[in-house]
Amino acid sequence: MLALARKVNQSIMLGNDIEVTLLEIKGDQVKLGISAPKSVPIYRKEIYLQIQEENKNAVQEVDMDKLKDLFGGKN
């Protein structure tokens, strides 16, 4: 892991098109601003992990027989 020190209103660049700016520090909370192309999804990690878990569960719940019937396959 790379650890960088930044002051308020200072930024770091991720690649050529993602900028992360330190906006505010209040006690133990830090506020970040992220500028990135709309094609780059940005999530809080806890939300990202929930999405991953839901995707994993959705794949496990697929009924292959129903899926084959849907697409005209034979059992």
Protein backbone atom coordinates (compact mmCIF):
# COMPACT_ATOMS: atom_id res chain seq x y z
CA MET A 1 0.00 0.00 0.00
CA LEU A 2 1.22 3.46 -0.85
CA ALA A 3 0.63 6.04 1.91
CA LEU A 4 0.70 9.72 0.97
CA ALA A 5 0.40 12.83 3.13
CA ARG A 6 -1.85 15.56 1.73
CA LYS A 7 -3.12 18.88 3.07
CA VAL A 8 -6.58 20.32 2.46
CA ASN A 9 -7.11 21.16 -1.23
CA GLN A 10 -4.15 19.01 -2.32
CA SER A 11 -4.74 16.13 -4.73
CA ILE A 12 -3.33 12.90 -6.03
CA MET A 13 -3.77 11.53 -9.54
CA LEU A 14 -4.69 7.93 -10.31
CA GLY A 15 -3.64 7.31 -13.88
CA ASN A 16 -4.31 10.15 -16.29
CA ASP A 17 -7.96 10.88 -15.56
CA ILE A 18 -8.82 10.28 -11.89
CA GLU A 19 -8.11 13.01 -9.34
CA VAL A 20 -8.63 12.55 -5.61
CA THR A 21 -8.67 15.80 -3.59
CA LEU A 22 -8.61 16.19 0.18
CA LEU A 23 -11.50 18.59 0.80
CA GLU A 24 -11.86 18.75 4.56
CA ILE A 25 -10.63 17.29 7.85
CA LYS A 26 -12.96 17.39 10.88
CA GLY A 27 -11.79 15.46 13.91
CA ASP A 28 -11.40 11.83 12.83
CA GLN A 29 -13.33 12.30 9.57
CA VAL A 30 -11.77 13.13 6.21
CA LYS A 31 -13.79 14.33 3.22
CA LEU A 32 -12.47 13.41 -0.23
CA GLY A 33 -13.53 14.64 -3.64
CA ILE A 34 -13.10 12.34 -6.63
CA SER A 35 -13.09 13.52 -10.24
CA ALA A 36 -13.31 10.65 -12.70
CA PRO A 37 -14.94 9.83 -16.03
CA LYS A 38 -18.58 8.74 -15.76
CA SER A 39 -17.54 5.32 -17.02
CA VAL A 40 -15.55 4.71 -13.81
CA PRO A 41 -17.77 3.36 -11.02
CA ILE A 42 -17.00 4.77 -7.57
CA TYR A 43 -18.34 3.09 -4.42
CA ARG A 44 -17.64 3.16 -0.71
CA LYS A 45 -15.88 -0.12 0.05
CA GLU A 46 -18.70 -1.48 2.24
CA ILE A 47 -21.19 -0.89 -0.61
CA TYR A 48 -18.80 -2.45 -3.14
CA LEU A 49 -18.49 -5.58 -0.97
CA GLN A 50 -22.30 -5.82 -0.68
CA ILE A 51 -22.64 -5.60 -4.47
CA GLN A 52 -20.03 -8.33 -4.90
CA GLU A 53 -21.84 -10.58 -2.41
CA GLU A 54 -25.22 -10.01 -4.10
CA ASN A 55 -23.71 -10.80 -7.50
CA LYS A 56 -22.20 -13.99 -6.12
CA ASN A 57 -25.55 -15.01 -4.59
CA ALA A 58 -27.42 -14.25 -7.81
CA VAL A 59 -25.16 -16.55 -9.80
CA GLN A 60 -25.60 -19.37 -7.28
CA GLU A 61 -29.40 -19.08 -7.45
CA VAL A 62 -29.64 -19.66 -11.21
CA ASP A 63 -31.82 -22.65 -12.09
CA MET A 64 -30.06 -24.07 -15.15
CA ASP A 65 -33.12 -26.03 -16.31
CA LYS A 66 -35.26 -22.88 -16.35
CA LEU A 67 -32.48 -21.01 -18.12
CA LYS A 68 -32.25 -23.72 -20.81
CA ASP A 69 -36.05 -23.64 -21.24
CA LEU A 70 -35.92 -19.87 -21.60
CA PHE A 71 -33.46 -20.14 -24.47
CA GLY A 72 -35.11 -23.15 -26.10
CA GLY A 73 -32.51 -25.72 -25.03
CA LYS A 74 -33.30 -29.35 -24.36
CA ASN A 75 -32.81 -31.06 -21.00
